[in-house]
Structures are given as structure tokens and as C-alpha cells.
């Protein structure tokens, strides 16, 4: 099994990319558990909720039986989110970020237009947050690629990399 996580700041094309990759590889993708969780809480949360979101995402990832697993987030999202909003990170999230859950992280640049969404919080800090995502992936020596530009360019690059991984 090849495990791939798509990550990056809000409104950077993660879900669209996951949907297209899932279609191409004929698998279902793992949705971002945070969205489901926050829809139930009407967008309200505390730092403790981030651990619950992490547990929910981990459960979904671990329950997949696909030969290509595509996750619409990784645990660095929770690390960056927690640091940015609360100034620290729980031991659980730190442990999950440090593990090698995914074979490849796809980091989406925020070079596409912001799309309003009631669960999104940071329309003006996407570039800053992008740098935090990149720093986290580098800090934990994650295998990652950057994707930028239009959707078709992003998708083509990802398909080439994933197909290469599948041949190994």
C-alpha cells in the first residue's frame, strides 16, 4: 500500500486534488475528519478538540484497505493549526506528526484564489501558514513534493510521482 497525504493551508486546492487523484487511481479518498467534526460543532472548538480530530483522522487512515491511500490532510495540519492558534501542540499530535504514516506528502501552495467557507479562518495568512507547513515537513524529514499553479498541472505532477512510487 502507498499512503499519500495532501496538505497545505486552507483553500489551497487539497480536496479538489484528492478527488481527482481518487478518480484517477479508482479509489476512495479519506476526507478531512476536521471538516466533519467542525460541522457538528458549528465551527466551534478548543485545543482539546484537535486531539479528537487527530484520533478521528488516524482511525480513518488506518481503516483503509486501498492499495493507494489518499488522505485529504495529514497530522502536520493539526500541528500548524495548534501552534498558530494556541501557541503549543499536544503530545498526541506531536507523536502523530513524528511518525511515518504516509509515504508521500503533497504540499499545496496557496497560489489559487481563496474560496469562502464558513469553516475557514485564515484568508490573509495563507502564505505564512504555508511556510509553517513546509517547515514541519522538513523538520520531521517527510518525503514531500510541492504542487502549485492550476489544477491540471498539480494533478499531472502528482500522478507521475505516485505512479513512480507504485512501480517501486
C-alpha atoms as a PDB file:
ATOM      1  CA  UNK A   1       0.000   0.000   0.000  1.00  0.00           C
ATOM      2  CA  UNK A   2       1.150   3.528  -0.831  1.00  0.00           C
ATOM      3  CA  UNK A   3      -0.101   6.176   1.607  1.00  0.00           C
ATOM      4  CA  UNK A   4      -0.357   9.746   0.345  1.00  0.00           C
ATOM      5  CA  UNK A   5      -1.394  12.832   2.296  1.00  0.00           C
ATOM      6  CA  UNK A   6      -2.389  16.084   0.669  1.00  0.00           C
ATOM      7  CA  UNK A   7      -1.641  19.037   2.917  1.00  0.00           C
ATOM      8  CA  UNK A   8      -1.371  22.804   2.926  1.00  0.00           C
ATOM      9  CA  UNK A   9      -3.182  25.904   4.106  1.00  0.00           C
ATOM     10  CA  UNK A  10      -6.892  26.482   3.781  1.00  0.00           C
ATOM     11  CA  UNK A  11      -8.278  26.929   0.282  1.00  0.00           C
ATOM     12  CA  UNK A  12      -5.146  25.679  -1.458  1.00  0.00           C
ATOM     13  CA  UNK A  13      -6.859  23.016  -3.577  1.00  0.00           C
ATOM     14  CA  UNK A  14      -6.381  19.983  -1.347  1.00  0.00           C
ATOM     15  CA  UNK A  15      -9.850  18.471  -1.625  1.00  0.00           C
ATOM     16  CA  UNK A  16     -10.105  19.076  -5.368  1.00  0.00           C
ATOM     17  CA  UNK A  17      -6.742  17.378  -5.837  1.00  0.00           C
ATOM     18  CA  UNK A  18      -7.769  14.435  -3.629  1.00  0.00           C
ATOM     19  CA  UNK A  19     -10.990  13.967  -5.580  1.00  0.00           C
ATOM     20  CA  UNK A  20      -9.126  13.938  -8.895  1.00  0.00           C
ATOM     21  CA  UNK A  21      -6.413  11.584  -7.645  1.00  0.00           C
ATOM     22  CA  UNK A  22      -9.045   9.229  -6.245  1.00  0.00           C
ATOM     23  CA  UNK A  23     -10.837   9.208  -9.593  1.00  0.00           C
ATOM     24  CA  UNK A  24      -7.608   8.562 -11.493  1.00  0.00           C
ATOM     25  CA  UNK A  25      -6.486   5.690  -9.235  1.00  0.00           C
ATOM     26  CA  UNK A  26     -10.050   4.388  -8.812  1.00  0.00           C
ATOM     27  CA  UNK A  27     -10.033   4.547  -5.022  1.00  0.00           C
ATOM     28  CA  UNK A  28     -11.973   6.475  -2.429  1.00  0.00           C
ATOM     29  CA  UNK A  29     -10.049   9.193  -0.657  1.00  0.00           C
ATOM     30  CA  UNK A  30     -10.040   9.744   3.109  1.00  0.00           C
ATOM     31  CA  UNK A  31     -11.840  13.040   3.753  1.00  0.00           C
ATOM     32  CA  UNK A  32     -10.585  15.584   6.240  1.00  0.00           C
ATOM     33  CA  UNK A  33     -12.073  14.475   9.570  1.00  0.00           C
ATOM     34  CA  UNK A  34     -11.790  18.036  10.910  1.00  0.00           C
ATOM     35  CA  UNK A  35     -14.471  19.198   8.485  1.00  0.00           C
ATOM     36  CA  UNK A  36     -16.929  16.529   9.653  1.00  0.00           C
ATOM     37  CA  UNK A  37     -16.103  17.250  13.285  1.00  0.00           C
ATOM     38  CA  UNK A  38     -16.423  21.019  12.941  1.00  0.00           C
ATOM     39  CA  UNK A  39     -19.689  20.778  11.022  1.00  0.00           C
ATOM     40  CA  UNK A  40     -21.144  19.029  14.084  1.00  0.00           C
ATOM     41  CA  UNK A  41     -19.811  21.720  16.449  1.00  0.00           C
ATOM     42  CA  UNK A  42     -20.829  24.560  14.107  1.00  0.00           C
ATOM     43  CA  UNK A  43     -17.189  25.546  13.776  1.00  0.00           C
ATOM     44  CA  UNK A  44     -16.573  25.944  17.498  1.00  0.00           C
ATOM     45  CA  UNK A  45     -13.617  24.113  19.016  1.00  0.00           C
ATOM     46  CA  UNK A  46     -10.907  24.242  21.658  1.00  0.00           C
ATOM     47  CA  UNK A  47      -7.383  22.886  21.649  1.00  0.00           C
ATOM     48  CA  UNK A  48      -8.628  19.628  23.216  1.00  0.00           C
ATOM     49  CA  UNK A  49     -10.815  19.111  20.158  1.00  0.00           C
ATOM     50  CA  UNK A  50      -7.705  18.981  17.975  1.00  0.00           C
ATOM     51  CA  UNK A  51      -6.707  15.705  19.663  1.00  0.00           C
ATOM     52  CA  UNK A  52     -10.166  14.284  18.934  1.00  0.00           C
ATOM     53  CA  UNK A  53      -9.816  15.364  15.312  1.00  0.00           C
ATOM     54  CA  UNK A  54      -6.382  13.695  15.169  1.00  0.00           C
ATOM     55  CA  UNK A  55      -7.822  10.454  16.550  1.00  0.00           C
ATOM     56  CA  UNK A  56     -10.653  10.530  14.018  1.00  0.00           C
ATOM     57  CA  UNK A  57      -8.282  11.114  11.101  1.00  0.00           C
ATOM     58  CA  UNK A  58      -5.954   8.339  12.278  1.00  0.00           C
ATOM     59  CA  UNK A  59      -8.846   5.892  12.590  1.00  0.00           C
ATOM     60  CA  UNK A  60      -9.989   6.679   9.044  1.00  0.00           C
ATOM     61  CA  UNK A  61      -6.472   6.312   7.625  1.00  0.00           C
ATOM     62  CA  UNK A  62      -5.873   3.034   9.443  1.00  0.00           C
ATOM     63  CA  UNK A  63      -9.186   1.563   8.287  1.00  0.00           C
ATOM     64  CA  UNK A  64      -8.451   1.997   4.575  1.00  0.00           C
ATOM     65  CA  UNK A  65      -7.749  -1.145   2.564  1.00  0.00           C
ATOM     66  CA  UNK A  66      -6.930   0.592  -0.747  1.00  0.00           C
ATOM     67  CA  UNK A  67      -3.604  -0.117  -2.452  1.00  0.00           C
ATOM     68  CA  UNK A  68      -3.357   3.669  -2.910  1.00  0.00           C
ATOM     69  CA  UNK A  69      -4.495   5.611   0.139  1.00  0.00           C
ATOM     70  CA  UNK A  70      -5.162   9.300  -0.447  1.00  0.00           C
ATOM     71  CA  UNK A  71      -5.807  11.389   2.648  1.00  0.00           C
ATOM     72  CA  UNK A  72      -7.204  14.901   2.458  1.00  0.00           C
ATOM     73  CA  UNK A  73      -4.906  16.038   5.260  1.00  0.00           C
ATOM     74  CA  UNK A  74      -2.022  14.920   7.402  1.00  0.00           C
ATOM     75  CA  UNK A  75      -1.097  15.479  11.033  1.00  0.00           C
ATOM     76  CA  UNK A  76       1.141  18.448  10.297  1.00  0.00           C
ATOM     77  CA  UNK A  77      -2.106  20.357   9.661  1.00  0.00           C
ATOM     78  CA  UNK A  78      -3.052  19.852  13.290  1.00  0.00           C
ATOM     79  CA  UNK A  79       0.429  20.762  14.465  1.00  0.00           C
ATOM     80  CA  UNK A  80       0.462  24.015  12.482  1.00  0.00           C
ATOM     81  CA  UNK A  81      -3.128  24.800  13.448  1.00  0.00           C
ATOM     82  CA  UNK A  82      -2.420  24.238  17.144  1.00  0.00           C
ATOM     83  CA  UNK A  83       0.798  26.256  17.147  1.00  0.00           C
ATOM     84  CA  UNK A  84      -0.777  29.120  15.233  1.00  0.00           C
ATOM     85  CA  UNK A  85      -3.958  29.311  17.289  1.00  0.00           C
ATOM     86  CA  UNK A  86      -2.829  28.150  20.753  1.00  0.00           C
ATOM     87  CA  UNK A  87       0.957  28.523  20.795  1.00  0.00           C
ATOM     88  CA  UNK A  88       1.662  24.876  21.602  1.00  0.00           C
ATOM     89  CA  UNK A  89       0.982  21.309  20.471  1.00  0.00           C
ATOM     90  CA  UNK A  90      -0.339  18.347  22.433  1.00  0.00           C
ATOM     91  CA  UNK A  91       1.853  15.271  22.967  1.00  0.00           C
ATOM     92  CA  UNK A  92      -0.575  13.189  20.878  1.00  0.00           C
ATOM     93  CA  UNK A  93      -0.327  15.446  17.839  1.00  0.00           C
ATOM     94  CA  UNK A  94       3.443  15.728  18.221  1.00  0.00           C
ATOM     95  CA  UNK A  95       3.693  11.933  18.286  1.00  0.00           C
ATOM     96  CA  UNK A  96       1.455  11.547  15.219  1.00  0.00           C
ATOM     97  CA  UNK A  97       3.380  14.159  13.238  1.00  0.00           C
ATOM     98  CA  UNK A  98       6.690  12.471  14.050  1.00  0.00           C
ATOM     99  CA  UNK A  99       5.524   9.043  12.816  1.00  0.00           C
ATOM    100  CA  UNK A 100       5.931   7.986   9.201  1.00  0.00           C
ATOM    101  CA  UNK A 101       2.252   7.381   8.493  1.00  0.00           C
ATOM    102  CA  UNK A 102       2.495   8.500   4.865  1.00  0.00           C
ATOM    103  CA  UNK A 103       4.883   7.573   2.069  1.00  0.00           C
ATOM    104  CA  UNK A 104       4.380  10.908   0.343  1.00  0.00           C
ATOM    105  CA  UNK A 105       3.084  14.314   1.396  1.00  0.00           C
ATOM    106  CA  UNK A 106       1.797  16.629  -1.312  1.00  0.00           C
ATOM    107  CA  UNK A 107       2.099  20.233  -0.131  1.00  0.00           C
ATOM    108  CA  UNK A 108      -0.262  22.563  -1.982  1.00  0.00           C
ATOM    109  CA  UNK A 109       0.801  26.168  -2.405  1.00  0.00           C
ATOM    110  CA  UNK A 110      -1.848  28.823  -1.768  1.00  0.00           C
ATOM    111  CA  UNK A 111      -1.439  30.365  -5.217  1.00  0.00           C
ATOM    112  CA  UNK A 112      -5.073  29.870  -6.192  1.00  0.00           C
ATOM    113  CA  UNK A 113      -7.943  32.193  -5.245  1.00  0.00           C
ATOM    114  CA  UNK A 114      -9.391  31.993  -1.730  1.00  0.00           C
ATOM    115  CA  UNK A 115     -12.821  30.382  -1.610  1.00  0.00           C
ATOM    116  CA  UNK A 116     -15.058  31.465   1.234  1.00  0.00           C
ATOM    117  CA  UNK A 117     -16.261  28.703   3.531  1.00  0.00           C
ATOM    118  CA  UNK A 118     -17.835  29.058   6.993  1.00  0.00           C
ATOM    119  CA  UNK A 119     -15.245  26.680   8.498  1.00  0.00           C
ATOM    120  CA  UNK A 120     -12.213  28.540   7.118  1.00  0.00           C
ATOM    121  CA  UNK A 121     -10.438  31.057   9.342  1.00  0.00           C
ATOM    122  CA  UNK A 122      -7.301  32.465   7.697  1.00  0.00           C
ATOM    123  CA  UNK A 123      -7.805  34.149   4.310  1.00  0.00           C
ATOM    124  CA  UNK A 124      -4.944  36.629   4.800  1.00  0.00           C
ATOM    125  CA  UNK A 125      -2.278  34.375   6.317  1.00  0.00           C
ATOM    126  CA  UNK A 126      -2.131  31.516   3.828  1.00  0.00           C
ATOM    127  CA  UNK A 127       1.438  32.308   2.708  1.00  0.00           C
ATOM    128  CA  UNK A 128       2.670  32.433   6.311  1.00  0.00           C
ATOM    129  CA  UNK A 129       0.887  29.184   7.156  1.00  0.00           C
ATOM    130  CA  UNK A 130       2.279  27.552   4.012  1.00  0.00           C
ATOM    131  CA  UNK A 131       5.790  28.259   5.303  1.00  0.00           C
ATOM    132  CA  UNK A 132       4.862  26.626   8.627  1.00  0.00           C
ATOM    133  CA  UNK A 133       3.642  23.503   6.787  1.00  0.00           C
ATOM    134  CA  UNK A 134       6.847  23.344   4.800  1.00  0.00           C
ATOM    135  CA  UNK A 135       8.958  23.797   7.954  1.00  0.00           C
ATOM    136  CA  UNK A 136       7.073  20.987   9.702  1.00  0.00           C
ATOM    137  CA  UNK A 137       7.574  18.575   6.797  1.00  0.00           C
ATOM    138  CA  UNK A 138      11.264  19.441   6.666  1.00  0.00           C
ATOM    139  CA  UNK A 139      11.694  19.220  10.454  1.00  0.00           C
ATOM    140  CA  UNK A 140      10.335  15.671  10.505  1.00  0.00           C
ATOM    141  CA  UNK A 141      12.180  14.722   7.287  1.00  0.00           C
ATOM    142  CA  UNK A 142       8.973  13.821   5.474  1.00  0.00           C
ATOM    143  CA  UNK A 143       9.090  12.822   1.828  1.00  0.00           C
ATOM    144  CA  UNK A 144       7.131  15.617   0.145  1.00  0.00           C
ATOM    145  CA  UNK A 145       6.610  17.437  -3.086  1.00  0.00           C
ATOM    146  CA  UNK A 146       5.301  20.939  -3.720  1.00  0.00           C
ATOM    147  CA  UNK A 147       2.489  21.495  -6.175  1.00  0.00           C
ATOM    148  CA  UNK A 148       1.466  24.877  -7.486  1.00  0.00           C
ATOM    149  CA  UNK A 149      -0.346  26.513 -10.349  1.00  0.00           C
ATOM    150  CA  UNK A 150      -3.532  25.337 -11.966  1.00  0.00           C
ATOM    151  CA  UNK A 151      -5.284  22.113 -11.067  1.00  0.00           C
ATOM    152  CA  UNK A 152      -4.292  20.238 -14.221  1.00  0.00           C
ATOM    153  CA  UNK A 153      -0.586  20.928 -13.614  1.00  0.00           C
ATOM    154  CA  UNK A 154      -0.882  19.825  -9.988  1.00  0.00           C
ATOM    155  CA  UNK A 155      -2.737  16.671 -10.923  1.00  0.00           C
ATOM    156  CA  UNK A 156      -0.315  15.694 -13.683  1.00  0.00           C
ATOM    157  CA  UNK A 157       2.704  16.096 -11.394  1.00  0.00           C
ATOM    158  CA  UNK A 158       1.078  14.063  -8.613  1.00  0.00           C
ATOM    159  CA  UNK A 159       0.012  11.240 -10.908  1.00  0.00           C
ATOM    160  CA  UNK A 160       3.562  10.946 -12.289  1.00  0.00           C
ATOM    161  CA  UNK A 161       5.091  10.781  -8.795  1.00  0.00           C
ATOM    162  CA  UNK A 162       2.510   8.322  -7.437  1.00  0.00           C
ATOM    163  CA  UNK A 163       2.811   6.044 -10.476  1.00  0.00           C
ATOM    164  CA  UNK A 164       6.588   6.063  -9.986  1.00  0.00           C
ATOM    165  CA  UNK A 165       6.117   5.054  -6.334  1.00  0.00           C
ATOM    166  CA  UNK A 166       3.770   2.252  -7.346  1.00  0.00           C
ATOM    167  CA  UNK A 167       6.389   0.808  -9.713  1.00  0.00           C
ATOM    168  CA  UNK A 168       8.983   0.517  -6.949  1.00  0.00           C
END
